[in-house]
């Protein structure tokens, strides 16, 4: 993974650390580079305990389905869609965090474009769906 992130990603991470909504950030290669403290509660593990995480290891960390329990294809996941299509995506999903608890969440993911139209990755927010 890239040791030095673009300044835009560094600044976004700084902003995300001050927000009270869960934030997830991936670089242009699909590596998880950060999630904030509010996301830690939903994901069931502190970022410092796992991150950053290489893209090929992410699928093993969290199990995701639709709200009926049917497994999702890669492009059905908002962060993967935003990463591969460079277009915003939103979806409600069910996932199992590292704490073993299944949660229903809404995820919105947007591609991050930096100066000079450089694609930098994906910025996503998610929140638990309450019945």
Protein backbone atom coordinates (compact mmCIF):
# COMPACT_ATOMS: atom_id res chain seq x y z
CA UNK A 1 0.00 0.00 0.00
CA UNK A 2 1.00 3.56 -0.61
CA UNK A 3 2.72 4.92 2.50
CA UNK A 4 2.14 8.56 1.55
CA UNK A 5 -1.42 9.56 0.72
CA UNK A 6 -2.36 12.53 -1.50
CA UNK A 7 -2.99 15.72 0.46
CA UNK A 8 -6.72 15.57 -0.35
CA UNK A 9 -6.99 12.17 1.33
CA UNK A 10 -5.03 13.39 4.35
CA UNK A 11 -7.37 16.36 4.70
CA UNK A 12 -10.50 14.21 4.27
CA UNK A 13 -9.23 11.85 6.95
CA UNK A 14 -8.70 14.80 9.27
CA UNK A 15 -12.25 16.05 8.68
CA UNK A 16 -13.69 12.53 9.08
CA UNK A 17 -11.98 12.22 12.46
CA UNK A 18 -14.08 15.15 13.72
CA UNK A 19 -17.43 13.92 12.37
CA UNK A 20 -19.99 12.04 14.45
CA UNK A 21 -21.24 10.00 11.47
CA UNK A 22 -19.44 6.77 10.50
CA UNK A 23 -16.96 7.34 7.65
CA UNK A 24 -15.02 4.77 5.58
CA UNK A 25 -12.23 5.73 3.15
CA UNK A 26 -10.56 3.67 0.43
CA UNK A 27 -7.68 4.62 -1.86
CA UNK A 28 -7.76 4.30 -5.65
CA UNK A 29 -6.60 0.66 -5.45
CA UNK A 30 -9.46 -0.32 -3.12
CA UNK A 31 -7.36 -0.49 0.03
CA UNK A 32 -9.08 0.55 3.24
CA UNK A 33 -7.09 3.55 4.44
CA UNK A 34 -9.27 4.81 7.30
CA UNK A 35 -12.52 4.65 9.18
CA UNK A 36 -13.42 6.96 12.03
CA UNK A 37 -14.40 6.29 15.64
CA UNK A 38 -18.19 6.30 15.01
CA UNK A 39 -17.62 3.62 12.33
CA UNK A 40 -15.70 1.49 14.82
CA UNK A 41 -18.88 0.85 16.82
CA UNK A 42 -20.74 -0.45 13.77
CA UNK A 43 -17.79 -2.39 12.37
CA UNK A 44 -17.07 -3.99 15.73
CA UNK A 45 -13.37 -3.21 15.85
CA UNK A 46 -11.10 -0.18 16.24
CA UNK A 47 -9.32 1.01 13.11
CA UNK A 48 -5.95 0.97 14.86
CA UNK A 49 -6.44 -2.77 15.49
CA UNK A 50 -6.84 -3.62 11.78
CA UNK A 51 -5.98 -0.78 9.42
CA UNK A 52 -4.92 0.02 6.89
CA UNK A 53 -6.17 -3.11 5.09
CA UNK A 54 -5.13 -4.31 1.64
CA UNK A 55 -8.03 -4.62 -0.84
CA UNK A 56 -7.75 -8.41 -1.22
CA UNK A 57 -8.18 -8.88 2.55
CA UNK A 58 -11.37 -6.80 2.94
CA UNK A 59 -13.73 -9.51 1.72
CA UNK A 60 -12.63 -11.76 4.57
CA UNK A 61 -13.30 -9.13 7.23
CA UNK A 62 -17.00 -8.40 6.76
CA UNK A 63 -19.85 -10.56 5.46
CA UNK A 64 -22.48 -8.58 3.49
CA UNK A 65 -25.92 -9.52 2.20
CA UNK A 66 -29.04 -7.72 1.09
CA UNK A 67 -31.66 -7.11 3.79
CA UNK A 68 -33.21 -10.53 3.08
CA UNK A 69 -29.90 -12.34 3.63
CA UNK A 70 -28.97 -12.98 0.00
CA UNK A 71 -25.22 -12.58 -0.64
CA UNK A 72 -24.29 -9.54 -2.76
CA UNK A 73 -22.08 -9.39 -5.82
CA UNK A 74 -19.14 -7.02 -5.74
CA UNK A 75 -20.81 -4.31 -7.83
CA UNK A 76 -23.85 -4.46 -5.53
CA UNK A 77 -21.70 -2.96 -2.76
CA UNK A 78 -21.76 0.86 -2.88
CA UNK A 79 -18.04 1.26 -2.12
CA UNK A 80 -17.05 -1.22 -4.86
CA UNK A 81 -19.44 0.39 -7.35
CA UNK A 82 -18.13 3.89 -6.58
CA UNK A 83 -14.55 2.61 -6.84
CA UNK A 84 -14.95 0.76 -10.13
CA UNK A 85 -17.48 2.99 -11.90
CA UNK A 86 -16.32 6.28 -10.35
CA UNK A 87 -19.93 7.12 -9.74
CA UNK A 88 -21.91 7.59 -6.48
CA UNK A 89 -23.87 4.65 -5.10
CA UNK A 90 -26.30 4.00 -2.26
CA UNK A 91 -27.83 0.79 -0.88
CA UNK A 92 -29.23 -0.75 2.28
CA UNK A 93 -27.31 -3.88 3.31
CA UNK A 94 -26.94 -6.31 6.19
CA UNK A 95 -23.42 -7.02 7.38
CA UNK A 96 -21.66 -8.88 10.14
CA UNK A 97 -19.05 -6.82 11.96
CA UNK A 98 -15.86 -8.12 13.49
CA UNK A 99 -17.77 -8.42 16.78
CA UNK A 100 -20.06 -11.08 15.23
CA UNK A 101 -23.16 -8.85 15.31
CA UNK A 102 -25.32 -8.53 12.18
CA UNK A 103 -26.52 -4.98 11.46
CA UNK A 104 -28.74 -3.40 8.82
CA UNK A 105 -27.15 -0.24 7.45
CA UNK A 106 -27.59 2.32 4.67
CA UNK A 107 -24.38 3.05 2.79
CA UNK A 108 -23.67 6.03 0.55
CA UNK A 109 -20.36 6.08 -1.32
CA UNK A 110 -18.88 8.74 -3.56
CA UNK A 111 -15.72 8.73 -5.66
CA UNK A 112 -13.05 11.22 -4.61
CA UNK A 113 -11.60 13.34 -7.41
CA UNK A 114 -8.57 15.43 -6.55
CA UNK A 115 -6.91 18.34 -8.27
CA UNK A 116 -6.18 17.73 -11.91
CA UNK A 117 -9.06 15.22 -12.09
CA UNK A 118 -6.98 12.59 -10.28
CA UNK A 119 -9.06 9.69 -9.00
CA UNK A 120 -8.07 9.21 -5.35
CA UNK A 121 -10.53 6.64 -4.00
CA UNK A 122 -13.90 6.45 -2.25
CA UNK A 123 -15.44 8.26 0.71
CA UNK A 124 -18.43 6.46 2.25
CA UNK A 125 -20.77 7.11 5.11
CA UNK A 126 -23.13 4.58 6.64
CA UNK A 127 -25.64 4.48 9.43
CA UNK A 128 -27.63 1.80 11.16
CA UNK A 129 -31.20 1.33 10.01
CA UNK A 130 -33.48 1.37 13.02
CA UNK A 131 -36.81 -0.50 12.93
